[in-house]
């Protein structure tokens, strides 16, 4: 087993794993448009009807069988702020 960076070709699929933040544990499938994976992913999420941009960075890729898996870490500093759960509702 080697620690070599996996290779993708244009049109290949890869699986995205979100680590941290509101999308923690979620997965997604993306298609490589240029033979690489994204260096950063911005996800648009809705909380209480308000759209929020969440940034995921620092991809770490590995090959598992025939599949390339890329893990992204939540960048809370560059993401839009998310209200604390207790502050979301006016009582």
N, C-alpha and C. Protein backbone atom coordinates (compact mmCIF):
# COMPACT_ATOMS: atom_id res chain seq x y z
N UNK A 1 0.84 -1.18 0.00
CA UNK A 1 0.00 0.00 0.00
C UNK A 1 0.88 1.23 0.00
N UNK A 2 0.52 2.24 -0.83
CA UNK A 2 1.31 3.45 -0.91
C UNK A 2 0.47 4.65 -0.49
N UNK A 3 1.14 5.74 -0.20
CA UNK A 3 0.46 6.98 0.15
C UNK A 3 0.36 7.92 -1.04
N UNK A 4 0.49 7.38 -2.25
CA UNK A 4 0.46 8.21 -3.45
C UNK A 4 -0.90 8.87 -3.61
N UNK A 5 -0.88 10.08 -4.13
CA UNK A 5 -2.12 10.79 -4.41
C UNK A 5 -2.85 10.10 -5.55
N UNK A 6 -4.13 9.80 -5.37
CA UNK A 6 -4.86 9.13 -6.45
C UNK A 6 -5.02 10.04 -7.66
N UNK A 7 -5.16 9.44 -8.80
CA UNK A 7 -5.33 10.19 -10.04
C UNK A 7 -6.77 10.10 -10.51
N UNK A 8 -7.22 11.18 -11.11
CA UNK A 8 -8.54 11.23 -11.74
C UNK A 8 -8.36 11.63 -13.19
N UNK A 9 -9.27 11.22 -14.01
CA UNK A 9 -9.33 11.68 -15.40
C UNK A 9 -10.56 12.56 -15.55
N UNK A 10 -10.56 13.38 -16.55
CA UNK A 10 -11.72 14.22 -16.82
C UNK A 10 -12.95 13.33 -16.97
N UNK A 11 -14.03 13.66 -16.25
CA UNK A 11 -15.26 12.88 -16.30
C UNK A 11 -15.38 11.82 -15.23
N UNK A 12 -14.28 11.53 -14.50
CA UNK A 12 -14.34 10.55 -13.41
C UNK A 12 -15.15 11.10 -12.24
N UNK A 13 -15.84 10.21 -11.54
CA UNK A 13 -16.56 10.59 -10.33
C UNK A 13 -15.66 10.43 -9.12
N UNK A 14 -15.91 11.26 -8.11
CA UNK A 14 -15.25 11.08 -6.82
C UNK A 14 -16.26 11.38 -5.72
N UNK A 15 -16.06 10.78 -4.56
CA UNK A 15 -16.97 10.94 -3.44
C UNK A 15 -16.41 12.00 -2.49
N UNK A 16 -17.25 12.95 -2.11
CA UNK A 16 -16.88 14.01 -1.18
C UNK A 16 -17.42 13.65 0.20
N UNK A 17 -16.55 13.78 1.21
CA UNK A 17 -16.95 13.62 2.61
C UNK A 17 -16.76 14.97 3.30
N UNK A 18 -17.81 15.45 3.97
CA UNK A 18 -17.74 16.72 4.69
C UNK A 18 -17.41 16.43 6.15
N UNK A 19 -16.33 17.06 6.64
CA UNK A 19 -15.90 16.88 8.03
C UNK A 19 -16.09 18.19 8.79
N UNK A 20 -16.94 18.18 9.80
CA UNK A 20 -17.19 19.35 10.62
C UNK A 20 -18.32 20.20 10.08
N UNK A 21 -18.75 21.14 10.91
CA UNK A 21 -19.80 22.06 10.51
C UNK A 21 -21.14 21.40 10.33
N UNK A 22 -22.09 22.14 9.78
CA UNK A 22 -23.46 21.63 9.62
C UNK A 22 -23.57 20.42 8.69
N UNK A 23 -22.63 20.25 7.77
CA UNK A 23 -22.68 19.12 6.84
C UNK A 23 -21.85 17.93 7.32
N UNK A 24 -21.38 17.96 8.55
CA UNK A 24 -20.53 16.90 9.08
C UNK A 24 -21.16 15.52 8.84
N UNK A 25 -20.39 14.63 8.25
CA UNK A 25 -20.86 13.27 7.99
C UNK A 25 -21.62 13.10 6.69
N UNK A 26 -21.96 14.19 6.01
CA UNK A 26 -22.67 14.10 4.74
C UNK A 26 -21.70 13.72 3.62
N UNK A 27 -22.22 13.14 2.58
CA UNK A 27 -21.41 12.79 1.42
C UNK A 27 -22.07 13.36 0.16
N UNK A 28 -21.30 13.41 -0.89
CA UNK A 28 -21.76 13.94 -2.17
C UNK A 28 -20.93 13.25 -3.25
N UNK A 29 -21.45 13.18 -4.44
CA UNK A 29 -20.69 12.66 -5.57
C UNK A 29 -20.48 13.79 -6.55
N UNK A 30 -19.25 13.98 -6.96
CA UNK A 30 -18.90 15.04 -7.91
C UNK A 30 -18.22 14.42 -9.12
N UNK A 31 -18.18 15.17 -10.19
CA UNK A 31 -17.53 14.73 -11.42
C UNK A 31 -16.37 15.67 -11.70
N UNK A 32 -15.22 15.10 -11.97
CA UNK A 32 -14.05 15.90 -12.28
C UNK A 32 -14.19 16.50 -13.67
N UNK A 33 -14.05 17.81 -13.76
CA UNK A 33 -14.16 18.47 -15.06
C UNK A 33 -12.81 18.66 -15.73
N UNK A 34 -11.73 18.51 -14.93
CA UNK A 34 -10.40 18.75 -15.48
C UNK A 34 -9.34 17.74 -15.02
N UNK A 35 -9.78 16.62 -14.47
CA UNK A 35 -8.84 15.60 -14.03
C UNK A 35 -8.35 15.79 -12.60
N UNK A 36 -8.96 16.72 -11.86
CA UNK A 36 -8.62 16.94 -10.45
C UNK A 36 -9.91 17.07 -9.66
N UNK A 37 -9.78 17.25 -8.36
CA UNK A 37 -10.93 17.52 -7.51
C UNK A 37 -10.86 18.98 -7.10
N UNK A 38 -11.96 19.48 -6.57
CA UNK A 38 -12.05 20.87 -6.15
C UNK A 38 -11.08 21.13 -4.99
N UNK A 39 -10.49 22.32 -4.96
CA UNK A 39 -9.62 22.69 -3.83
C UNK A 39 -10.44 23.27 -2.69
N UNK A 40 -11.65 23.74 -3.00
CA UNK A 40 -12.57 24.28 -2.01
C UNK A 40 -13.99 24.06 -2.51
N UNK A 41 -14.90 23.77 -1.58
CA UNK A 41 -16.31 23.60 -1.94
C UNK A 41 -17.12 24.57 -1.11
N UNK A 42 -18.01 25.32 -1.76
CA UNK A 42 -18.94 26.18 -1.05
C UNK A 42 -20.32 25.56 -1.18
N UNK A 43 -20.95 25.32 -0.03
CA UNK A 43 -22.27 24.71 0.01
C UNK A 43 -23.26 25.78 0.46
N UNK A 44 -24.39 25.86 -0.21
CA UNK A 44 -25.45 26.79 0.19
C UNK A 44 -26.46 25.99 1.00
N UNK A 45 -26.68 26.42 2.24
CA UNK A 45 -27.62 25.73 3.12
C UNK A 45 -28.66 26.74 3.60
N UNK A 46 -29.85 26.26 3.89
CA UNK A 46 -30.90 27.13 4.40
C UNK A 46 -31.17 26.79 5.86
N UNK A 47 -31.11 27.80 6.70
CA UNK A 47 -31.44 27.66 8.12
C UNK A 47 -32.55 28.64 8.42
N UNK A 48 -33.70 28.12 8.81
CA UNK A 48 -34.87 28.96 9.10
C UNK A 48 -35.20 29.89 7.96
N UNK A 49 -35.07 29.41 6.73
CA UNK A 49 -35.41 30.18 5.56
C UNK A 49 -34.36 31.16 5.10
N UNK A 50 -33.22 31.21 5.78
CA UNK A 50 -32.13 32.11 5.40
C UNK A 50 -31.00 31.29 4.79
N UNK A 51 -30.53 31.72 3.62
CA UNK A 51 -29.43 31.01 2.96
C UNK A 51 -28.10 31.37 3.61
N UNK A 52 -27.26 30.37 3.76
CA UNK A 52 -25.95 30.53 4.37
C UNK A 52 -24.92 29.81 3.50
N UNK A 53 -23.76 30.45 3.30
CA UNK A 53 -22.68 29.81 2.55
C UNK A 53 -21.70 29.17 3.53
N UNK A 54 -21.44 27.88 3.29
CA UNK A 54 -20.52 27.12 4.13
C UNK A 54 -19.33 26.72 3.27
N UNK A 55 -18.14 27.05 3.71
CA UNK A 55 -16.93 26.72 2.97
C UNK A 55 -16.25 25.49 3.56
N UNK A 56 -15.85 24.59 2.68
CA UNK A 56 -15.10 23.39 3.06
C UNK A 56 -13.80 23.39 2.27
N UNK A 57 -12.69 23.19 2.97
CA UNK A 57 -11.36 23.34 2.38
C UNK A 57 -10.46 22.15 2.73
N UNK A 58 -9.21 22.27 2.35
CA UNK A 58 -8.14 21.33 2.70
C UNK A 58 -8.46 19.90 2.30
N UNK A 59 -8.70 19.66 1.02
CA UNK A 59 -9.03 18.30 0.60
C UNK A 59 -7.89 17.31 0.82
N UNK A 60 -8.27 16.14 1.29
CA UNK A 60 -7.33 15.02 1.43
C UNK A 60 -7.97 13.86 0.68
N UNK A 61 -7.28 13.39 -0.35
CA UNK A 61 -7.84 12.36 -1.22
C UNK A 61 -7.15 11.03 -1.00
N UNK A 62 -7.95 9.96 -1.14
CA UNK A 62 -7.39 8.61 -1.11
C UNK A 62 -8.24 7.73 -2.00
N UNK A 63 -7.63 6.66 -2.46
CA UNK A 63 -8.35 5.69 -3.28
C UNK A 63 -8.74 4.52 -2.40
N UNK A 64 -10.01 4.17 -2.46
CA UNK A 64 -10.53 3.01 -1.75
C UNK A 64 -11.17 2.11 -2.80
N UNK A 65 -10.50 1.02 -3.10
CA UNK A 65 -10.95 0.16 -4.21
C UNK A 65 -10.87 0.95 -5.51
N UNK A 66 -11.99 0.99 -6.23
CA UNK A 66 -12.04 1.73 -7.49
C UNK A 66 -12.52 3.17 -7.31
N UNK A 67 -12.73 3.58 -6.08
CA UNK A 67 -13.35 4.87 -5.79
C UNK A 67 -12.34 5.86 -5.20
N UNK A 68 -12.37 7.10 -5.68
CA UNK A 68 -11.56 8.16 -5.07
C UNK A 68 -12.45 8.88 -4.07
N UNK A 69 -11.98 9.00 -2.84
CA UNK A 69 -12.70 9.68 -1.77
C UNK A 69 -11.91 10.91 -1.36
N UNK A 70 -12.60 12.05 -1.29
CA UNK A 70 -11.94 13.30 -0.93
C UNK A 70 -12.64 13.87 0.30
N UNK A 71 -11.87 14.06 1.37
CA UNK A 71 -12.40 14.61 2.63
C UNK A 71 -12.10 16.10 2.69
N UNK A 72 -13.12 16.90 3.02
CA UNK A 72 -13.00 18.34 3.14
C UNK A 72 -13.32 18.76 4.58
N UNK A 73 -12.55 19.72 5.10
CA UNK A 73 -12.73 20.22 6.46
C UNK A 73 -13.49 21.55 6.40
N UNK A 74 -14.44 21.73 7.34
CA UNK A 74 -15.24 22.96 7.42
C UNK A 74 -14.35 24.13 7.80
N UNK A 75 -14.47 25.21 7.06
CA UNK A 75 -13.73 26.44 7.33
C UNK A 75 -14.69 27.45 7.97
N UNK A 76 -14.80 27.39 9.28
CA UNK A 76 -15.77 28.24 9.98
C UNK A 76 -15.42 29.72 9.87
N UNK A 77 -14.14 30.05 9.71
CA UNK A 77 -13.74 31.46 9.61
C UNK A 77 -14.23 32.10 8.32
N UNK A 78 -14.22 31.38 7.23
CA UNK A 78 -14.64 31.95 5.95
C UNK A 78 -16.09 31.65 5.59
N UNK A 79 -16.76 30.83 6.39
CA UNK A 79 -18.17 30.54 6.16
C UNK A 79 -19.02 31.65 6.78
N UNK A 80 -20.25 31.79 6.28
CA UNK A 80 -21.18 32.72 6.90
C UNK A 80 -21.45 32.27 8.34
N UNK A 81 -21.68 33.20 9.24
CA UNK A 81 -21.98 32.81 10.62
C UNK A 81 -23.30 32.05 10.70
N UNK A 82 -23.34 31.12 11.62
CA UNK A 82 -24.54 30.33 11.86
C UNK A 82 -25.01 30.65 13.27
N UNK A 83 -26.28 31.00 13.38
CA UNK A 83 -26.82 31.32 14.70
C UNK A 83 -26.82 30.07 15.57
N UNK A 84 -26.61 30.28 16.86
CA UNK A 84 -26.73 29.18 17.81
C UNK A 84 -28.17 28.70 17.83
N UNK A 85 -28.38 27.43 18.06
CA UNK A 85 -29.72 26.85 18.04
C UNK A 85 -30.66 27.63 18.95
N UNK A 86 -30.22 28.00 20.14
CA UNK A 86 -31.10 28.68 21.09
C UNK A 86 -31.45 30.10 20.64
N UNK A 87 -30.71 30.67 19.67
CA UNK A 87 -31.00 32.02 19.19
C UNK A 87 -31.84 32.02 17.91
N UNK A 88 -32.21 30.87 17.40
CA UNK A 88 -32.93 30.80 16.13
C UNK A 88 -34.41 31.14 16.26
N UNK A 89 -34.97 31.01 17.42
CA UNK A 89 -36.39 31.19 17.60
C UNK A 89 -36.66 32.35 18.55
N UNK A 90 -37.58 33.20 18.16
CA UNK A 90 -37.98 34.30 19.04
C UNK A 90 -39.13 33.80 19.90
N UNK A 91 -38.93 33.76 21.20
CA UNK A 91 -39.99 33.30 22.13
C UNK A 91 -40.49 34.45 22.95
